[in-house]
């Protein structure tokens, strides 16, 4: 199973709990272009034309070709942004003819649907936290202590529920964003709550019906990927199963690690 990490730019480290699935399910981890152990392109910061979904699709095709997977079947797993990439790739790549099963977790089918879910979660935050976020967006200052404290409140509620905070998986992703924010900043924005990058109008809804393989969807009840963001996957992919884990957030693979792995293992080995 090829593992597509989120971000963009979060790198594979935060998904290492997936090794619970091995050896029965062989895994391929890689860092996508722009961060981690792959090529960094800081000079391309802000270049929305360069940082396209197509770039990452092509890089995935290159990986499949390099590893010689084009002659055999394989599975693809995508978390968050990785799920967005996975459905784009599955609907368009010639190599998707070798795709056996697809796993999409804690992801979104369109930015419009994602915004709806995020807006609902924002309204449930304490008023002072909402105020700090609103002020940062108004003034364009996303580095103030007040904003960073407000974002941490949101992250503790909807990014990962595990304590002590931050769990090592969250810290791993945040570390890569801090080391090189090029891809995340250009494609997404300054934080999970503010979408200003090249993905701001992204949608996969028109292409989802092209995906014909069995697909597993997973999100959490406290997930920033609310049901509204996942619903189009369920509505438009032909063969699909959807599981929502209780007491789980965006890092459901950390919050409910055992149940999360059980569902993926059962789906892939059935």
C-alpha atoms as a PDB file:
ATOM      1  CA  UNK A   1       0.000   0.000   0.000  1.00  0.00           C
ATOM      2  CA  UNK A   2       1.379   3.383  -1.025  1.00  0.00           C
ATOM      3  CA  UNK A   3       0.932   5.939   1.761  1.00  0.00           C
ATOM      4  CA  UNK A   4       0.155   9.547   0.774  1.00  0.00           C
ATOM      5  CA  UNK A   5       0.732  11.956   3.637  1.00  0.00           C
ATOM      6  CA  UNK A   6      -1.140  15.179   4.278  1.00  0.00           C
ATOM      7  CA  UNK A   7      -0.212  18.821   4.408  1.00  0.00           C
ATOM      8  CA  UNK A   8       0.762  19.445   1.752  1.00  0.00           C
ATOM      9  CA  UNK A   9       4.230  19.204   3.242  1.00  0.00           C
ATOM     10  CA  UNK A  10       3.562  17.286   6.469  1.00  0.00           C
ATOM     11  CA  UNK A  11       5.848  14.396   5.380  1.00  0.00           C
ATOM     12  CA  UNK A  12       5.430  10.725   6.198  1.00  0.00           C
ATOM     13  CA  UNK A  13       6.723  10.632   9.793  1.00  0.00           C
ATOM     14  CA  UNK A  14       3.374  11.373  11.439  1.00  0.00           C
ATOM     15  CA  UNK A  15       1.828   8.352   9.724  1.00  0.00           C
ATOM     16  CA  UNK A  16       4.330   5.812  11.047  1.00  0.00           C
ATOM     17  CA  UNK A  17       1.638   4.280  13.311  1.00  0.00           C
ATOM     18  CA  UNK A  18       0.457   2.646  10.068  1.00  0.00           C
ATOM     19  CA  UNK A  19       3.359   0.229  10.514  1.00  0.00           C
ATOM     20  CA  UNK A  20       0.930  -1.593  12.824  1.00  0.00           C
ATOM     21  CA  UNK A  21      -0.475  -2.991   9.563  1.00  0.00           C
ATOM     22  CA  UNK A  22       2.754  -4.689   8.551  1.00  0.00           C
ATOM     23  CA  UNK A  23       3.960  -7.305   7.733  1.00  0.00           C
ATOM     24  CA  UNK A  24       0.579  -8.557   6.497  1.00  0.00           C
ATOM     25  CA  UNK A  25       0.199  -5.334   4.513  1.00  0.00           C
ATOM     26  CA  UNK A  26       3.498  -4.125   2.973  1.00  0.00           C
ATOM     27  CA  UNK A  27       3.754  -0.330   3.116  1.00  0.00           C
ATOM     28  CA  UNK A  28       5.528   2.249   0.968  1.00  0.00           C
ATOM     29  CA  UNK A  29       6.136   5.600   2.661  1.00  0.00           C
ATOM     30  CA  UNK A  30       7.602   8.600   0.868  1.00  0.00           C
ATOM     31  CA  UNK A  31       7.942  12.333   1.391  1.00  0.00           C
ATOM     32  CA  UNK A  32       6.277  14.281  -1.389  1.00  0.00           C
ATOM     33  CA  UNK A  33       8.258  16.852  -3.342  1.00  0.00           C
ATOM     34  CA  UNK A  34       8.909  20.095  -1.492  1.00  0.00           C
ATOM     35  CA  UNK A  35       9.641  18.893   2.034  1.00  0.00           C
ATOM     36  CA  UNK A  36      11.096  16.236   4.288  1.00  0.00           C
ATOM     37  CA  UNK A  37      13.704  14.017   2.688  1.00  0.00           C
ATOM     38  CA  UNK A  38      12.666  14.930  -0.847  1.00  0.00           C
ATOM     39  CA  UNK A  39      13.782  17.944  -2.874  1.00  0.00           C
ATOM     40  CA  UNK A  40      13.042  21.321  -1.274  1.00  0.00           C
ATOM     41  CA  UNK A  41      12.138  24.191  -3.584  1.00  0.00           C
ATOM     42  CA  UNK A  42      11.979  27.241  -1.346  1.00  0.00           C
ATOM     43  CA  UNK A  43      12.575  29.501  -4.336  1.00  0.00           C
ATOM     44  CA  UNK A  44       9.127  28.432  -5.586  1.00  0.00           C
ATOM     45  CA  UNK A  45       7.312  29.782  -2.514  1.00  0.00           C
ATOM     46  CA  UNK A  46       4.150  31.571  -3.614  1.00  0.00           C
ATOM     47  CA  UNK A  47       4.248  30.098  -7.130  1.00  0.00           C
ATOM     48  CA  UNK A  48       0.720  28.710  -7.363  1.00  0.00           C
ATOM     49  CA  UNK A  49       1.146  27.660 -10.987  1.00  0.00           C
ATOM     50  CA  UNK A  50       4.094  25.446 -10.082  1.00  0.00           C
ATOM     51  CA  UNK A  51       2.571  23.926  -6.937  1.00  0.00           C
ATOM     52  CA  UNK A  52      -0.339  22.203  -8.657  1.00  0.00           C
ATOM     53  CA  UNK A  53      -2.106  18.953  -7.841  1.00  0.00           C
ATOM     54  CA  UNK A  54      -0.862  17.694 -11.212  1.00  0.00           C
ATOM     55  CA  UNK A  55       2.737  18.042 -10.007  1.00  0.00           C
ATOM     56  CA  UNK A  56       2.051  15.640  -7.147  1.00  0.00           C
ATOM     57  CA  UNK A  57       0.130  13.250  -9.409  1.00  0.00           C
ATOM     58  CA  UNK A  58       3.094  13.112 -11.769  1.00  0.00           C
ATOM     59  CA  UNK A  59       5.484  12.542  -8.873  1.00  0.00           C
ATOM     60  CA  UNK A  60       3.339   9.636  -7.665  1.00  0.00           C
ATOM     61  CA  UNK A  61       3.418   8.153 -11.159  1.00  0.00           C
ATOM     62  CA  UNK A  62       7.203   8.543 -11.155  1.00  0.00           C
ATOM     63  CA  UNK A  63       7.398   6.662  -7.854  1.00  0.00           C
ATOM     64  CA  UNK A  64       5.206   3.833  -9.139  1.00  0.00           C
ATOM     65  CA  UNK A  65       7.319   3.537 -12.277  1.00  0.00           C
ATOM     66  CA  UNK A  66      10.603   3.695 -10.354  1.00  0.00           C
ATOM     67  CA  UNK A  67       9.535   0.934  -7.966  1.00  0.00           C
ATOM     68  CA  UNK A  68       8.251  -1.240 -10.795  1.00  0.00           C
ATOM     69  CA  UNK A  69       4.699  -1.293  -9.473  1.00  0.00           C
ATOM     70  CA  UNK A  70       3.145  -0.620 -12.872  1.00  0.00           C
ATOM     71  CA  UNK A  71       3.198  -4.361 -13.561  1.00  0.00           C
ATOM     72  CA  UNK A  72       1.245  -5.441 -10.473  1.00  0.00           C
ATOM     73  CA  UNK A  73      -1.747  -4.452  -8.369  1.00  0.00           C
ATOM     74  CA  UNK A  74      -1.411  -2.262  -5.292  1.00  0.00           C
ATOM     75  CA  UNK A  75      -3.469  -0.225  -2.829  1.00  0.00           C
ATOM     76  CA  UNK A  76      -3.309   3.515  -2.112  1.00  0.00           C
ATOM     77  CA  UNK A  77      -3.934   5.241   1.220  1.00  0.00           C
ATOM     78  CA  UNK A  78      -4.382   9.001   1.560  1.00  0.00           C
ATOM     79  CA  UNK A  79      -4.709  11.043   4.750  1.00  0.00           C
ATOM     80  CA  UNK A  80      -6.107  14.595   4.596  1.00  0.00           C
ATOM     81  CA  UNK A  81      -4.383  16.290   1.617  1.00  0.00           C
ATOM     82  CA  UNK A  82      -3.136  12.800   0.753  1.00  0.00           C
ATOM     83  CA  UNK A  83      -6.758  11.779   0.224  1.00  0.00           C
ATOM     84  CA  UNK A  84      -7.285  14.709  -2.118  1.00  0.00           C
ATOM     85  CA  UNK A  85      -4.235  13.644  -4.100  1.00  0.00           C
ATOM     86  CA  UNK A  86      -5.347  10.017  -4.064  1.00  0.00           C
ATOM     87  CA  UNK A  87      -8.732  10.664  -5.664  1.00  0.00           C
ATOM     88  CA  UNK A  88      -7.247  12.994  -8.289  1.00  0.00           C
ATOM     89  CA  UNK A  89      -4.659  10.346  -9.136  1.00  0.00           C
ATOM     90  CA  UNK A  90      -7.151   7.449  -9.096  1.00  0.00           C
ATOM     91  CA  UNK A  91      -9.454   9.267 -11.510  1.00  0.00           C
ATOM     92  CA  UNK A  92      -6.770  10.271 -14.014  1.00  0.00           C
ATOM     93  CA  UNK A  93      -3.545   8.262 -13.910  1.00  0.00           C
ATOM     94  CA  UNK A  94      -2.975   5.430 -16.383  1.00  0.00           C
ATOM     95  CA  UNK A  95      -1.358   3.547 -13.500  1.00  0.00           C
ATOM     96  CA  UNK A  96      -4.670   3.570 -11.640  1.00  0.00           C
ATOM     97  CA  UNK A  97      -5.604   0.574 -13.783  1.00  0.00           C
ATOM     98  CA  UNK A  98      -3.431  -1.376 -11.331  1.00  0.00           C
ATOM     99  CA  UNK A  99      -5.172   0.070  -8.275  1.00  0.00           C
ATOM    100  CA  UNK A 100      -6.846  -2.632  -6.191  1.00  0.00           C
ATOM    101  CA  UNK A 101      -8.332  -0.699  -3.268  1.00  0.00           C
ATOM    102  CA  UNK A 102      -8.388   2.893  -2.055  1.00  0.00           C
ATOM    103  CA  UNK A 103      -8.354   4.169   1.540  1.00  0.00           C
ATOM    104  CA  UNK A 104      -9.288   7.826   2.123  1.00  0.00           C
ATOM    105  CA  UNK A 105      -9.150   9.069   5.700  1.00  0.00           C
ATOM    106  CA  UNK A 106      -9.803  12.401   7.409  1.00  0.00           C
ATOM    107  CA  UNK A 107     -10.006  14.121   4.046  1.00  0.00           C
ATOM    108  CA  UNK A 108     -12.262  16.327   1.958  1.00  0.00           C
ATOM    109  CA  UNK A 109     -13.935  16.156  -1.419  1.00  0.00           C
ATOM    110  CA  UNK A 110     -14.078  19.920  -1.938  1.00  0.00           C
ATOM    111  CA  UNK A 111     -12.848  23.073  -0.269  1.00  0.00           C
ATOM    112  CA  UNK A 112     -16.352  24.529  -0.193  1.00  0.00           C
ATOM    113  CA  UNK A 113     -17.579  21.551   1.841  1.00  0.00           C
ATOM    114  CA  UNK A 114     -14.473  21.732   4.057  1.00  0.00           C
ATOM    115  CA  UNK A 115     -15.135  25.406   4.801  1.00  0.00           C
ATOM    116  CA  UNK A 116     -18.693  24.630   5.864  1.00  0.00           C
ATOM    117  CA  UNK A 117     -17.456  22.112   8.410  1.00  0.00           C
ATOM    118  CA  UNK A 118     -14.647  24.350   9.646  1.00  0.00           C
ATOM    119  CA  UNK A 119     -17.068  27.265  10.089  1.00  0.00           C
ATOM    120  CA  UNK A 120     -19.291  25.151  12.341  1.00  0.00           C
ATOM    121  CA  UNK A 121     -16.302  24.132  14.473  1.00  0.00           C
ATOM    122  CA  UNK A 122     -15.063  27.721  14.722  1.00  0.00           C
ATOM    123  CA  UNK A 123     -18.401  28.883  16.090  1.00  0.00           C
ATOM    124  CA  UNK A 124     -18.074  26.379  18.933  1.00  0.00           C
ATOM    125  CA  UNK A 125     -14.739  27.810  20.087  1.00  0.00           C
ATOM    126  CA  UNK A 126     -14.608  30.174  23.087  1.00  0.00           C
ATOM    127  CA  UNK A 127     -15.387  33.764  22.108  1.00  0.00           C
ATOM    128  CA  UNK A 128     -11.897  35.048  22.897  1.00  0.00           C
ATOM    129  CA  UNK A 129     -10.392  32.321  20.714  1.00  0.00           C
ATOM    130  CA  UNK A 130     -12.726  33.196  17.847  1.00  0.00           C
ATOM    131  CA  UNK A 131     -11.811  36.846  18.290  1.00  0.00           C
ATOM    132  CA  UNK A 132      -8.075  36.162  18.074  1.00  0.00           C
ATOM    133  CA  UNK A 133      -8.551  34.159  14.875  1.00  0.00           C
ATOM    134  CA  UNK A 134     -10.822  36.795  13.323  1.00  0.00           C
ATOM    135  CA  UNK A 135      -8.350  39.561  14.164  1.00  0.00           C
ATOM    136  CA  UNK A 136      -5.418  37.656  12.674  1.00  0.00           C
ATOM    137  CA  UNK A 137      -7.319  37.076   9.444  1.00  0.00           C
ATOM    138  CA  UNK A 138      -8.372  40.730   9.297  1.00  0.00           C
ATOM    139  CA  UNK A 139      -4.858  42.079   9.875  1.00  0.00           C
ATOM    140  CA  UNK A 140      -2.956  39.306   8.113  1.00  0.00           C
ATOM    141  CA  UNK A 141      -0.851  38.629  11.213  1.00  0.00           C
ATOM    142  CA  UNK A 142      -0.623  34.885  11.773  1.00  0.00           C
ATOM    143  CA  UNK A 143       2.458  34.941  14.001  1.00  0.00           C
ATOM    144  CA  UNK A 144       1.155  36.752  17.079  1.00  0.00           C
ATOM    145  CA  UNK A 145       1.169  34.853  20.404  1.00  0.00           C
ATOM    146  CA  UNK A 146      -2.599  35.352  20.632  1.00  0.00           C
ATOM    147  CA  UNK A 147      -3.189  33.697  17.265  1.00  0.00           C
ATOM    148  CA  UNK A 148      -0.825  30.824  18.001  1.00  0.00           C
ATOM    149  CA  UNK A 149      -2.591  30.207  21.310  1.00  0.00           C
ATOM    150  CA  UNK A 150      -5.984  30.287  19.582  1.00  0.00           C
ATOM    151  CA  UNK A 151      -4.893  27.822  16.910  1.00  0.00           C
ATOM    152  CA  UNK A 152      -3.613  25.477  19.595  1.00  0.00           C
ATOM    153  CA  UNK A 153      -7.079  25.451  21.174  1.00  0.00           C
ATOM    154  CA  UNK A 154      -8.559  24.409  17.829  1.00  0.00           C
ATOM    155  CA  UNK A 155      -5.859  21.810  17.202  1.00  0.00           C
ATOM    156  CA  UNK A 156      -6.381  20.223  20.625  1.00  0.00           C
ATOM    157  CA  UNK A 157     -10.089  19.860  19.853  1.00  0.00           C
ATOM    158  CA  UNK A 158      -9.988  18.820  16.210  1.00  0.00           C
ATOM    159  CA  UNK A 159      -6.458  17.916  15.069  1.00  0.00           C
ATOM    160  CA  UNK A 160      -5.550  15.387  17.770  1.00  0.00           C
ATOM    161  CA  UNK A 161      -7.174  14.461  21.079  1.00  0.00           C
ATOM    162  CA  UNK A 162      -4.226  12.520  22.507  1.00  0.00           C
ATOM    163  CA  UNK A 163      -2.420  13.885  25.549  1.00  0.00           C
ATOM    164  CA  UNK A 164       0.095  15.027  26.627  1.00  0.00           C
ATOM    165  CA  UNK A 165       0.091  17.725  23.974  1.00  0.00           C
ATOM    166  CA  UNK A 166       1.498  17.690  21.421  1.00  0.00           C
ATOM    167  CA  UNK A 167       1.752  13.963  20.672  1.00  0.00           C
ATOM    168  CA  UNK A 168       4.891  13.034  18.757  1.00  0.00           C
ATOM    169  CA  UNK A 169       2.945  12.526  15.527  1.00  0.00           C
ATOM    170  CA  UNK A 170       1.523  16.061  15.656  1.00  0.00           C
ATOM    171  CA  UNK A 171       4.915  17.489  16.555  1.00  0.00           C
ATOM    172  CA  UNK A 172       6.501  15.674  13.613  1.00  0.00           C
ATOM    173  CA  UNK A 173       4.109  17.323  11.147  1.00  0.00           C
ATOM    174  CA  UNK A 174       4.382  20.761  12.759  1.00  0.00           C
ATOM    175  CA  UNK A 175       8.180  20.515  12.728  1.00  0.00           C
ATOM    176  CA  UNK A 176       8.260  20.013   8.975  1.00  0.00           C
ATOM    177  CA  UNK A 177       5.860  22.911   8.413  1.00  0.00           C
ATOM    178  CA  UNK A 178       8.171  25.105  10.486  1.00  0.00           C
ATOM    179  CA  UNK A 179      11.349  23.942   8.735  1.00  0.00           C
ATOM    180  CA  UNK A 180       9.961  24.569   5.268  1.00  0.00           C
ATOM    181  CA  UNK A 181       6.466  26.078   4.884  1.00  0.00           C
ATOM    182  CA  UNK A 182       6.774  26.405   1.093  1.00  0.00           C
ATOM    183  CA  UNK A 183       4.252  23.800  -0.029  1.00  0.00           C
ATOM    184  CA  UNK A 184       1.763  24.221   2.825  1.00  0.00           C
ATOM    185  CA  UNK A 185       1.865  28.009   2.710  1.00  0.00           C
ATOM    186  CA  UNK A 186       1.548  28.184  -1.068  1.00  0.00           C
ATOM    187  CA  UNK A 187      -1.090  25.514  -1.530  1.00  0.00           C
ATOM    188  CA  UNK A 188      -3.129  25.784   1.676  1.00  0.00           C
ATOM    189  CA  UNK A 189      -2.423  28.828   3.830  1.00  0.00           C
ATOM    190  CA  UNK A 190      -1.076  29.993   7.204  1.00  0.00           C
ATOM    191  CA  UNK A 191      -3.068  27.463   9.268  1.00  0.00           C
ATOM    192  CA  UNK A 192      -5.857  24.889   9.052  1.00  0.00           C
ATOM    193  CA  UNK A 193      -8.443  27.628   9.624  1.00  0.00           C
ATOM    194  CA  UNK A 194      -7.340  30.030   6.905  1.00  0.00           C
ATOM    195  CA  UNK A 195      -7.314  28.769   3.313  1.00  0.00           C
ATOM    196  CA  UNK A 196      -5.597  31.272   1.041  1.00  0.00           C
ATOM    197  CA  UNK A 197      -3.462  29.031  -1.188  1.00  0.00           C
ATOM    198  CA  UNK A 198      -3.818  27.438  -4.606  1.00  0.00           C
ATOM    199  CA  UNK A 199      -6.187  24.759  -3.262  1.00  0.00           C
ATOM    200  CA  UNK A 200      -8.726  27.350  -2.091  1.00  0.00           C
ATOM    201  CA  UNK A 201     -11.236  26.546  -4.858  1.00  0.00           C
ATOM    202  CA  UNK A 202     -10.332  22.878  -5.299  1.00  0.00           C
ATOM    203  CA  UNK A 203     -13.013  20.237  -5.818  1.00  0.00           C
ATOM    204  CA  UNK A 204     -12.945  16.588  -6.801  1.00  0.00           C
ATOM    205  CA  UNK A 205     -16.703  16.141  -7.055  1.00  0.00           C
ATOM    206  CA  UNK A 206     -16.911  16.063 -10.898  1.00  0.00           C
ATOM    207  CA  UNK A 207     -14.336  13.245 -11.151  1.00  0.00           C
ATOM    208  CA  UNK A 208     -15.324  10.979  -8.263  1.00  0.00           C
ATOM    209  CA  UNK A 209     -17.622   8.815 -10.393  1.00  0.00           C
ATOM    210  CA  UNK A 210     -14.546   7.736 -12.378  1.00  0.00           C
ATOM    211  CA  UNK A 211     -13.251   5.827  -9.353  1.00  0.00           C
ATOM    212  CA  UNK A 212     -14.415   2.229  -9.718  1.00  0.00           C
ATOM    213  CA  UNK A 213     -12.350   0.414  -7.084  1.00  0.00           C
ATOM    214  CA  UNK A 214     -13.588  -0.451  -3.607  1.00  0.00           C
ATOM    215  CA  UNK A 215     -12.964   2.549  -1.350  1.00  0.00           C
ATOM    216  CA  UNK A 216     -12.862   2.892   2.436  1.00  0.00           C
ATOM    217  CA  UNK A 217     -13.602   6.251   4.079  1.00  0.00           C
ATOM    218  CA  UNK A 218     -12.682   7.038   7.686  1.00  0.00           C
ATOM    219  CA  UNK A 219     -13.131  10.211   9.714  1.00  0.00           C
ATOM    220  CA  UNK A 220     -13.714  11.073  13.366  1.00  0.00           C
ATOM    221  CA  UNK A 221     -16.570  12.653  15.277  1.00  0.00           C
ATOM    222  CA  UNK A 222     -14.294  15.530  16.357  1.00  0.00           C
ATOM    223  CA  UNK A 223     -12.443  15.694  13.043  1.00  0.00           C
ATOM    224  CA  UNK A 224     -11.809  18.965  11.253  1.00  0.00           C
ATOM    225  CA  UNK A 225     -12.778  16.826   8.252  1.00  0.00           C
ATOM    226  CA  UNK A 226     -16.433  16.939   9.210  1.00  0.00           C
ATOM    227  CA  UNK A 227     -19.027  14.675   7.596  1.00  0.00           C
ATOM    228  CA  UNK A 228     -20.013  17.424   5.174  1.00  0.00           C
ATOM    229  CA  UNK A 229     -16.487  17.354   3.736  1.00  0.00           C
ATOM    230  CA  UNK A 230     -16.501  13.565   3.314  1.00  0.00           C
ATOM    231  CA  UNK A 231     -20.081  13.179   2.064  1.00  0.00           C
ATOM    232  CA  UNK A 232     -19.372  13.685  -1.672  1.00  0.00           C
ATOM    233  CA  UNK A 233     -16.939  10.764  -1.602  1.00  0.00           C
ATOM    234  CA  UNK A 234     -19.747   8.568  -0.298  1.00  0.00           C
ATOM    235  CA  UNK A 235     -22.280   9.975  -2.743  1.00  0.00           C
ATOM    236  CA  UNK A 236     -20.244   9.661  -5.933  1.00  0.00           C
ATOM    237  CA  UNK A 237     -17.755   6.785  -5.577  1.00  0.00           C
ATOM    238  CA  UNK A 238     -19.418   3.592  -6.771  1.00  0.00           C
ATOM    239  CA  UNK A 239     -18.121   1.039  -4.239  1.00  0.00           C
ATOM    240  CA  UNK A 240     -17.651   2.740  -0.902  1.00  0.00           C
ATOM    241  CA  UNK A 241     -17.757   2.064   2.833  1.00  0.00           C
ATOM    242  CA  UNK A 242     -17.688   4.902   5.386  1.00  0.00           C
ATOM    243  CA  UNK A 243     -16.703   4.600   9.042  1.00  0.00           C
ATOM    244  CA  UNK A 244     -16.803   7.462  11.553  1.00  0.00           C
ATOM    245  CA  UNK A 245     -14.841   6.774  14.725  1.00  0.00           C
ATOM    246  CA  UNK A 246     -16.130   8.074  18.062  1.00  0.00           C
ATOM    247  CA  UNK A 247     -13.765  10.192  20.153  1.00  0.00           C
ATOM    248  CA  UNK A 248     -11.441  10.719  17.210  1.00  0.00           C
ATOM    249  CA  UNK A 249     -10.198  13.830  15.440  1.00  0.00           C
ATOM    250  CA  UNK A 250      -8.089  14.537  12.344  1.00  0.00           C
ATOM    251  CA  UNK A 251      -5.321  12.291  13.659  1.00  0.00           C
ATOM    252  CA  UNK A 252      -7.709   9.396  14.173  1.00  0.00           C
ATOM    253  CA  UNK A 253      -4.788   7.038  13.600  1.00  0.00           C
ATOM    254  CA  UNK A 254      -3.432   8.343  16.931  1.00  0.00           C
ATOM    255  CA  UNK A 255      -6.678   8.957  18.847  1.00  0.00           C
ATOM    256  CA  UNK A 256      -8.196   5.545  18.060  1.00  0.00           C
ATOM    257  CA  UNK A 257      -5.148   3.721  16.776  1.00  0.00           C
ATOM    258  CA  UNK A 258      -6.306   0.142  17.348  1.00  0.00           C
ATOM    259  CA  UNK A 259      -9.789   0.565  15.869  1.00  0.00           C
ATOM    260  CA  UNK A 260      -8.432   2.608  12.948  1.00  0.00           C
ATOM    261  CA  UNK A 261      -5.950  -0.107  12.013  1.00  0.00           C
ATOM    262  CA  UNK A 262      -8.525  -2.854  12.493  1.00  0.00           C
ATOM    263  CA  UNK A 263     -10.852  -1.244   9.954  1.00  0.00           C
ATOM    264  CA  UNK A 264      -8.104  -0.724   7.381  1.00  0.00           C
ATOM    265  CA  UNK A 265      -6.709  -4.236   7.838  1.00  0.00           C
ATOM    266  CA  UNK A 266     -10.146  -5.827   7.494  1.00  0.00           C
ATOM    267  CA  UNK A 267     -10.884  -3.795   4.368  1.00  0.00           C
ATOM    268  CA  UNK A 268      -7.610  -4.600   2.627  1.00  0.00           C
ATOM    269  CA  UNK A 269      -7.475  -8.283   3.541  1.00  0.00           C
ATOM    270  CA  UNK A 270     -11.127  -9.176   2.958  1.00  0.00           C
END
